[in-house]
Amino acid sequence: MKPDRNEFSRLRGIEAAFPRPEFQRRQARARQAVEQAGHDCLVVTEPENIFWLSGRQTAGYFAFQALILPVYGSPVLLVRELELPGAAANTWLEEIIGYRDGDDPVEKLASLLAAIGCSRPAMELGSWFLSHATVGRIIEKLGRGKLADGSGLVGPLRLTKCGAELDAMRSAAHYAEVGIRAGIEACSAGNDENAVAAAMLFAATAAGSEAMAMEPLVSSGPRSGLPHMTWRRRRFAPGDPIFLEMAGSHHRYHAALMRTVWIGQPPAEAVRMMDCALRALDAAIRAIVPGAPCSRPHEAAHAIIAEAGYENAFRKRIGYSMGIAFAPDWGEGAILSLFSDISTVMEPGMVFHLPATLRSFGNWTVGASETVIVTESGAEPLSGLPRSITIR
């Protein structure tokens, strides 16, 4: 079952995002969590967790992959055979197994677990890239009535970032700011959404950004009042609102930023909504302090929004965790949110994106966002870009 150690050994680690000891430290923490949960190994299927544990990254994660992390013994990565050299290059792993196109990776996984001697495995069953049918086949191959879900074991370990991770996120934030600045400069009557998106992508990429886990959001006119719209060739006219949001990426660590632009003077109601959104953002940032629950920033922002009568224009959480990301999402919001009743305590090294947006649905979106690092004394915003509406 062992791979040919010599075939790609010359490539090992040459594309690794961090030194080998960093991944060994992470693996040790994960092993402890797996053992405490009563399992003897964890089958990791979420791309973000596979990266966090090993450094494995590729655009080819649409094909089945799994990292087997035993409590005792070396981790084993199972990937499509085509991915073997890339997996060797961006990890320090010595056990990387390939399956050929046409082979059944489920059979390969089952045989690996048997060879390793995992009798009490858990598996990340909540991954977007693991279908219910595939889980059923894995259970059948393992001869088990059910398979323990280990989806919540690794994610929480990623929330507090080390110094090297924070450096990567500061770089990502710089790329996002450069991209947003370029997008703002491209907003003018007669130009269109595609030109703005192109300017944002070009500038951020030229500044150093790697592939982003989600495309920039660019929408204008009435469609700017619809959440998560992307560019669609719409040409700008006087009086148009324009919504811009994007994330930069460095070693797969992401930082996001959002701003509002208006072609000409915005309506008085939009100005009032923007003022409320910015006050809510300021309040949320002030509420980010170590030891406070993650509900606190949301409560601070929501109080301002509710008092102004804009609850129906908000309808969401004030923020979510940021870090490692693969498409289709640039955030870690599935792990931790800044929202009501979230009792998790904020700690130095956590990173959050706070999009303070208010919408007149089908008309406009106004607001701004910041990605912030939790420090020993509060929050460190990673952008210096003005937050007010830019009039063009």
Protein backbone atom coordinates (compact mmCIF):
# COMPACT_ATOMS: atom_id res chain seq x y z
CA MET A 1 0.00 0.00 0.00
CA LYS A 2 2.99 2.32 0.31
CA PRO A 3 3.86 4.75 -2.51
CA ASP A 4 7.16 4.77 -4.33
CA ARG A 5 9.08 7.04 -1.98
CA ASN A 6 11.62 7.94 -4.67
CA GLU A 7 9.31 8.88 -7.53
CA PHE A 8 8.53 12.41 -6.36
CA SER A 9 10.79 12.78 -3.33
CA ARG A 10 12.83 15.46 -5.10
CA LEU A 11 9.67 17.61 -5.14
CA ARG A 12 8.73 17.22 -1.50
CA GLY A 13 8.02 20.54 0.19
CA ILE A 14 9.26 22.82 -2.60
CA GLU A 15 5.82 24.50 -2.80
CA ALA A 16 4.98 24.23 0.91
CA ALA A 17 3.36 27.30 2.42
CA PHE A 18 5.07 26.79 5.80
CA PRO A 19 8.04 24.84 7.21
CA ARG A 20 7.58 21.19 8.21
CA PRO A 21 7.51 21.90 12.00
CA GLU A 22 4.43 24.11 11.61
CA PHE A 23 2.44 21.28 10.05
CA GLN A 24 3.77 18.82 12.62
CA ARG A 25 2.51 21.12 15.37
CA ARG A 26 -0.92 21.29 13.76
CA GLN A 27 -1.09 17.52 13.30
CA ALA A 28 -0.21 17.00 16.95
CA ARG A 29 -3.06 19.27 18.04
CA ALA A 30 -5.48 17.48 15.74
CA ARG A 31 -4.38 14.04 16.96
CA GLN A 32 -5.11 15.10 20.51
CA ALA A 33 -8.60 16.24 19.53
CA VAL A 34 -9.26 12.98 17.66
CA GLU A 35 -8.10 10.85 20.59
CA GLN A 36 -10.12 12.87 23.09
CA ALA A 37 -13.19 12.30 20.92
CA GLY A 38 -12.68 8.53 21.22
CA HIS A 39 -11.42 7.75 17.70
CA ASP A 40 -8.17 6.18 16.55
CA CYS A 41 -8.02 8.11 13.27
CA LEU A 42 -9.76 10.88 11.38
CA VAL A 43 -10.48 10.87 7.66
CA VAL A 44 -10.21 14.53 6.69
CA THR A 45 -12.17 15.54 3.57
CA GLU A 46 -12.62 19.32 3.81
CA PRO A 47 -10.04 21.05 1.56
CA GLU A 48 -9.40 23.76 4.16
CA ASN A 49 -8.63 21.21 6.87
CA ILE A 50 -6.47 19.11 4.55
CA PHE A 51 -4.48 22.26 3.77
CA TRP A 52 -4.22 23.30 7.41
CA LEU A 53 -2.87 19.88 8.37
CA SER A 54 -0.59 19.23 5.40
CA GLY A 55 -0.27 22.19 3.03
CA ARG A 56 -2.05 20.30 0.25
CA GLN A 57 -3.63 22.72 -2.24
CA THR A 58 -4.72 22.42 -5.85
CA ALA A 59 -7.45 23.51 -8.22
CA GLY A 60 -8.16 19.79 -8.67
CA TYR A 61 -9.92 19.21 -5.37
CA PHE A 62 -13.11 18.50 -7.31
CA ALA A 63 -11.77 14.93 -7.45
CA PHE A 64 -12.02 12.78 -4.33
CA GLN A 65 -9.23 13.31 -1.81
CA ALA A 66 -8.79 12.39 1.82
CA LEU A 67 -6.12 12.78 4.48
CA ILE A 68 -6.03 9.94 6.99
CA LEU A 69 -4.72 11.20 10.31
CA PRO A 70 -4.13 8.34 12.78
CA VAL A 71 -3.68 9.09 16.45
CA TYR A 72 -0.48 7.04 16.29
CA GLY A 73 1.49 6.95 13.07
CA SER A 74 2.11 9.10 10.01
CA PRO A 75 -0.67 10.81 8.07
CA VAL A 76 -1.58 9.32 4.69
CA LEU A 77 -2.92 11.41 1.80
CA LEU A 78 -5.11 9.79 -0.86
CA VAL A 79 -5.40 11.74 -4.13
CA ARG A 80 -6.03 11.24 -7.81
CA GLU A 81 -2.86 9.85 -9.41
CA LEU A 82 -2.47 12.94 -11.59
CA GLU A 83 -2.19 15.01 -8.40
CA LEU A 84 0.73 13.04 -6.92
CA PRO A 85 3.57 15.36 -7.98
CA GLY A 86 1.69 18.48 -6.88
CA ALA A 87 0.78 16.88 -3.57
CA ALA A 88 4.43 16.02 -2.99
CA ALA A 89 5.51 19.55 -3.87
CA ASN A 90 3.19 21.43 -1.55
CA THR A 91 3.37 19.10 1.44
CA TRP A 92 6.02 17.48 3.60
CA LEU A 93 4.09 14.19 3.67
CA GLU A 94 5.94 10.95 3.04
CA GLU A 95 2.83 8.80 2.57
CA ILE A 96 0.90 9.91 -0.51
CA ILE A 97 -1.21 7.34 -2.35
CA GLY A 98 -2.69 7.80 -5.81
CA TYR A 99 -5.68 6.21 -7.47
CA ARG A 100 -6.03 6.07 -11.24
CA ASP A 101 -8.88 7.53 -13.25
CA GLY A 102 -11.37 4.71 -13.52
CA ASP A 103 -10.43 3.28 -10.13
CA ASP A 104 -12.81 3.50 -7.19
CA PRO A 105 -11.26 5.83 -4.58
CA VAL A 106 -13.69 4.50 -1.99
CA GLU A 107 -12.18 1.03 -2.29
CA LYS A 108 -8.71 2.54 -2.01
CA LEU A 109 -9.70 4.45 1.12
CA ALA A 110 -11.21 1.36 2.73
CA SER A 111 -8.10 -0.70 2.03
CA LEU A 112 -5.86 2.06 3.44
CA LEU A 113 -7.86 2.24 6.66
CA ALA A 114 -7.62 -1.55 7.00
CA ALA A 115 -3.87 -1.51 6.34
CA ILE A 116 -3.32 1.23 8.92
CA GLY A 117 -5.42 -0.67 11.42
CA CYS A 118 -8.04 2.01 12.11
CA SER A 119 -10.78 0.27 14.06
CA ARG A 120 -12.55 3.38 15.40
CA PRO A 121 -12.36 5.90 12.54
CA ALA A 122 -14.23 9.16 12.28
CA MET A 123 -14.74 11.03 9.03
CA GLU A 124 -15.59 14.60 8.10
CA LEU A 125 -19.07 13.92 6.76
CA GLY A 126 -20.09 17.58 6.47
CA SER A 127 -17.74 18.49 3.62
CA TRP A 128 -19.35 20.12 0.59
CA PHE A 129 -17.26 17.75 -1.53
CA LEU A 130 -18.49 14.50 -0.02
CA SER A 131 -21.86 13.31 -1.28
CA HIS A 132 -24.35 11.27 0.73
CA ALA A 133 -23.97 8.46 -1.83
CA THR A 134 -20.19 8.41 -1.37
CA VAL A 135 -20.55 8.26 2.41
CA GLY A 136 -22.94 5.33 2.04
CA ARG A 137 -20.45 3.47 -0.14
CA ILE A 138 -17.62 4.12 2.33
CA ILE A 139 -19.71 2.75 5.18
CA GLU A 140 -20.56 -0.29 3.07
CA LYS A 141 -16.90 -0.92 2.17
CA LEU A 142 -15.86 -0.60 5.80
CA GLY A 143 -18.59 -3.06 6.81
CA ARG A 144 -20.05 -0.67 9.37
CA GLY A 145 -23.60 0.26 10.18
CA LYS A 146 -22.54 3.85 10.60
CA LEU A 147 -19.46 6.06 10.56
CA ALA A 148 -18.69 8.62 13.28
CA ASP A 149 -18.81 12.22 12.12
CA GLY A 150 -15.57 14.08 12.85
CA SER A 151 -16.58 17.29 11.06
CA GLY A 152 -16.16 19.46 14.15
CA LEU A 153 -12.72 18.31 15.26
CA VAL A 154 -10.23 20.23 13.10
CA GLY A 155 -12.13 23.43 12.25
CA PRO A 156 -12.03 24.95 15.75
CA LEU A 157 -8.26 24.42 15.86
CA ARG A 158 -7.90 26.83 12.93
CA LEU A 159 -9.62 29.79 14.61
CA THR A 160 -6.62 31.25 16.44
CA LYS A 161 -3.87 32.04 13.97
CA CYS A 162 -0.13 31.93 14.60
CA GLY A 163 2.22 34.74 13.60
CA ALA A 164 2.96 33.30 10.16
CA GLU A 165 -0.75 32.91 9.44
CA LEU A 166 -1.45 36.49 10.51
CA ASP A 167 1.36 37.72 8.26
CA ALA A 168 -0.29 35.90 5.34
CA MET A 169 -3.63 37.52 6.16
CA ARG A 170 -2.08 40.98 6.33
CA SER A 171 -0.69 40.38 2.85
CA ALA A 172 -4.11 39.18 1.66
CA ALA A 173 -5.70 42.33 3.11
CA HIS A 174 -3.21 44.50 1.23
CA TYR A 175 -4.13 42.79 -2.06
CA ALA A 176 -7.83 43.30 -1.36
CA GLU A 177 -7.33 46.99 -0.60
CA VAL A 178 -5.34 47.49 -3.81
CA GLY A 179 -8.13 45.74 -5.72
CA ILE A 180 -10.92 47.78 -4.16
CA ARG A 181 -9.01 51.04 -4.80
CA ALA A 182 -8.68 50.08 -8.46
CA GLY A 183 -12.37 49.19 -8.62
CA ILE A 184 -13.36 52.55 -7.17
CA GLU A 185 -11.17 54.36 -9.70
CA ALA A 186 -12.85 52.44 -12.53
CA CYS A 187 -16.36 53.49 -11.44
CA SER A 188 -17.53 56.22 -13.82
CA ALA A 189 -20.58 56.91 -15.95
CA GLY A 190 -20.32 55.00 -19.22
CA ASN A 191 -18.07 52.30 -17.79
CA ASP A 192 -19.56 48.91 -16.89
CA GLU A 193 -19.47 46.25 -14.18
CA ASN A 194 -17.13 43.99 -16.16
CA ALA A 195 -14.53 46.73 -16.51
CA VAL A 196 -14.62 47.33 -12.75
CA ALA A 197 -14.33 43.62 -11.98
CA ALA A 198 -11.40 43.36 -14.40
CA ALA A 199 -9.68 46.33 -12.74
CA MET A 200 -10.14 44.80 -9.29
CA LEU A 201 -8.87 41.37 -10.33
CA PHE A 202 -5.91 42.77 -12.28
CA ALA A 203 -4.80 45.10 -9.50
CA ALA A 204 -5.11 42.55 -6.69
CA THR A 205 -3.36 39.87 -8.74
CA ALA A 206 -0.59 42.24 -9.80
CA ALA A 207 -0.11 43.20 -6.15
CA GLY A 208 0.50 39.54 -5.28
CA SER A 209 -2.84 37.84 -4.68
CA GLU A 210 -3.18 34.17 -5.46
CA ALA A 211 -6.42 32.57 -6.66
CA MET A 212 -9.38 33.75 -4.59
CA ALA A 213 -11.90 31.35 -3.10
CA MET A 214 -14.76 33.48 -4.42
CA GLU A 215 -14.96 35.98 -7.23
CA PRO A 216 -15.30 39.72 -6.49
CA LEU A 217 -18.82 41.07 -6.08
CA VAL A 218 -19.60 43.96 -8.39
CA SER A 219 -23.17 45.15 -8.90
CA SER A 220 -24.73 48.45 -9.82
CA GLY A 221 -28.03 50.26 -10.07
CA PRO A 222 -31.08 48.39 -8.76
CA ARG A 223 -29.25 45.06 -8.85
CA SER A 224 -26.79 46.41 -6.26
CA GLY A 225 -29.63 45.97 -3.77
CA LEU A 226 -29.60 42.19 -4.28
CA PRO A 227 -27.13 40.25 -2.09
CA HIS A 228 -24.12 38.49 -3.59
CA MET A 229 -24.59 39.65 -7.18
CA THR A 230 -21.62 39.38 -9.55
CA TRP A 231 -20.80 41.46 -12.60
CA ARG A 232 -23.11 41.21 -15.65
CA ARG A 233 -22.01 43.84 -18.16
CA ARG A 234 -24.36 46.55 -16.82
CA ARG A 235 -23.26 50.05 -17.87
CA PHE A 236 -23.18 52.82 -15.26
CA ALA A 237 -25.38 55.90 -15.50
CA PRO A 238 -25.65 59.05 -13.36
CA GLY A 239 -27.42 58.28 -10.09
CA ASP A 240 -26.22 54.66 -9.94
CA PRO A 241 -25.10 53.02 -6.69
CA ILE A 242 -22.23 50.54 -7.08
CA PHE A 243 -21.39 47.78 -4.61
CA LEU A 244 -17.81 46.44 -4.48
CA GLU A 245 -16.49 43.56 -2.38
CA MET A 246 -13.54 41.23 -2.79
CA ALA A 247 -10.98 39.16 -0.91
CA GLY A 248 -7.26 38.86 -1.45
CA SER A 249 -5.46 35.54 -0.95
CA HIS A 250 -1.98 34.67 0.31
CA HIS A 251 -1.05 31.02 0.94
CA ARG A 252 -4.82 30.33 0.80
CA TYR A 253 -5.42 32.74 3.71
CA HIS A 254 -8.04 35.33 2.79
CA ALA A 255 -8.98 38.85 3.90
CA ALA A 256 -12.03 40.64 2.53
CA LEU A 257 -13.04 44.26 2.04
CA MET A 258 -16.22 46.02 0.86
CA ARG A 259 -17.00 49.62 -0.13
CA THR A 260 -19.84 51.66 -1.65
CA VAL A 261 -19.61 53.99 -4.66
CA TRP A 262 -22.21 56.37 -6.12
CA ILE A 263 -22.27 58.01 -9.55
CA GLY A 264 -23.39 61.47 -8.47
CA GLN A 265 -25.14 62.36 -5.23
CA PRO A 266 -26.93 59.52 -3.40
CA PRO A 267 -30.51 59.96 -2.14
CA ALA A 268 -30.97 61.28 1.38
CA GLU A 269 -32.27 57.90 2.55
CA ALA A 270 -29.15 56.15 1.28
CA VAL A 271 -27.00 58.71 3.13
CA ARG A 272 -28.92 58.03 6.37
CA MET A 273 -28.55 54.28 5.91
CA MET A 274 -24.83 54.63 5.23
CA ASP A 275 -24.35 56.69 8.37
CA CYS A 276 -26.13 53.99 10.37
CA ALA A 277 -24.06 51.19 8.79
CA LEU A 278 -20.78 52.96 9.58
CA ARG A 279 -21.80 53.62 13.18
CA ALA A 280 -22.75 49.94 13.50
CA LEU A 281 -19.38 48.89 12.07
CA ASP A 282 -17.51 51.16 14.48
CA ALA A 283 -19.51 49.76 17.41
CA ALA A 284 -18.83 46.17 16.36
CA ILE A 285 -15.09 46.81 16.06
CA ARG A 286 -15.00 48.47 19.50
CA ALA A 287 -16.78 45.41 20.95
CA ILE A 288 -14.06 43.04 19.74
CA VAL A 289 -11.92 42.44 22.81
CA PRO A 290 -10.30 39.27 24.14
CA GLY A 291 -12.50 37.43 26.62
CA ALA A 292 -15.78 38.78 25.26
CA PRO A 293 -18.26 36.39 23.62
CA CYS A 294 -18.66 36.41 19.84
CA SER A 295 -22.22 37.65 20.31
CA ARG A 296 -20.98 41.00 21.66
CA PRO A 297 -20.00 42.70 18.34
CA HIS A 298 -23.28 41.65 16.74
CA GLU A 299 -25.29 42.93 19.67
CA ALA A 300 -23.46 46.27 19.55
CA ALA A 301 -24.07 46.70 15.83
CA HIS A 302 -27.65 45.44 15.96
CA ALA A 303 -28.59 47.88 18.72
CA ILE A 304 -27.62 50.83 16.52
CA ILE A 305 -29.37 49.39 13.47
CA ALA A 306 -32.54 48.61 15.42
CA GLU A 307 -32.67 52.05 17.00
CA ALA A 308 -32.48 53.61 13.54
CA GLY A 309 -35.33 51.39 12.32
CA TYR A 310 -33.27 49.45 9.79
CA GLU A 311 -33.57 45.88 11.10
CA ASN A 312 -35.35 44.73 7.95
CA ALA A 313 -32.55 46.22 5.87
CA PHE A 314 -29.94 44.15 7.76
CA ARG A 315 -31.21 40.56 8.27
CA LYS A 316 -27.86 38.88 8.97
CA ARG A 317 -24.88 38.43 11.27
CA ILE A 318 -22.34 41.24 11.63
CA GLY A 319 -19.34 39.05 10.91
CA TYR A 320 -17.59 35.72 10.59
CA SER A 321 -14.17 34.14 10.97
CA MET A 322 -11.58 34.46 8.20
CA GLY A 323 -8.60 32.27 7.39
CA ILE A 324 -7.99 29.40 4.97
CA ALA A 325 -10.48 29.27 2.13
CA PHE A 326 -11.21 27.26 -1.01
CA ALA A 327 -14.09 27.89 -3.41
CA PRO A 328 -16.98 28.36 -3.04
CA ASP A 329 -16.52 30.55 0.07
CA TRP A 330 -13.81 32.99 1.16
CA GLY A 331 -14.68 32.87 4.87
CA GLU A 332 -14.69 30.53 7.84
CA GLY A 333 -18.26 31.45 8.71
CA ALA A 334 -19.27 27.82 8.91
CA ILE A 335 -16.89 27.49 11.87
CA LEU A 336 -17.55 30.69 13.81
CA SER A 337 -19.87 33.69 13.46
CA LEU A 338 -20.25 37.01 15.20
CA PHE A 339 -23.96 36.61 15.88
CA SER A 340 -26.61 36.33 18.56
CA ASP A 341 -26.14 33.65 21.23
CA ILE A 342 -22.63 32.68 20.07
CA SER A 343 -20.85 32.16 23.38
CA THR A 344 -17.41 31.30 21.98
CA VAL A 345 -14.89 33.68 23.54
CA MET A 346 -12.78 35.90 21.30
CA GLU A 347 -9.04 35.33 21.63
CA PRO A 348 -5.95 37.15 20.35
CA GLY A 349 -5.08 35.82 16.91
CA MET A 350 -8.65 35.30 15.75
CA VAL A 351 -9.57 37.12 12.53
CA PHE A 352 -13.03 38.32 11.51
CA HIS A 353 -14.63 39.98 8.51
CA LEU A 354 -17.33 42.49 9.48
CA PRO A 355 -19.57 43.49 6.54
CA ALA A 356 -21.87 46.21 7.90
CA THR A 357 -24.39 46.48 5.09
CA LEU A 358 -27.91 47.88 4.87
CA ARG A 359 -30.09 47.23 1.83
CA SER A 360 -33.03 48.78 0.14
CA PHE A 361 -33.68 45.46 -1.58
CA GLY A 362 -33.85 45.87 -5.34
CA ASN A 363 -32.62 49.46 -5.11
CA TRP A 364 -29.21 49.72 -3.42
CA THR A 365 -26.80 48.39 -0.82
CA VAL A 366 -24.75 50.74 1.35
CA GLY A 367 -22.08 50.01 3.91
CA ALA A 368 -18.46 49.07 4.39
CA SER A 369 -16.51 46.17 5.82
CA GLU A 370 -13.22 45.51 7.55
CA THR A 371 -11.19 42.40 8.20
CA VAL A 372 -9.77 42.71 11.72
CA ILE A 373 -7.32 40.77 13.88
CA VAL A 374 -8.17 40.31 17.54
CA THR A 375 -5.22 41.67 19.55
CA GLU A 376 -4.39 41.63 23.25
CA SER A 377 -6.28 44.89 23.69
CA GLY A 378 -8.91 45.04 20.96
CA ALA A 379 -9.11 44.83 17.18
CA GLU A 380 -6.63 45.68 14.43
CA PRO A 381 -8.36 46.63 11.14
CA LEU A 382 -6.28 45.51 8.18
CA SER A 383 -7.31 48.30 5.80
CA GLY A 384 -6.70 52.04 5.77
CA LEU A 385 -9.22 52.72 3.02
CA PRO A 386 -11.83 55.40 3.86
CA ARG A 387 -15.21 53.84 4.65
CA SER A 388 -17.58 56.57 3.49
CA ILE A 389 -19.45 56.48 0.17
CA THR A 390 -17.14 57.45 -2.69
CA ILE A 391 -18.86 59.95 -5.00
CA ARG A 392 -17.76 59.58 -8.62
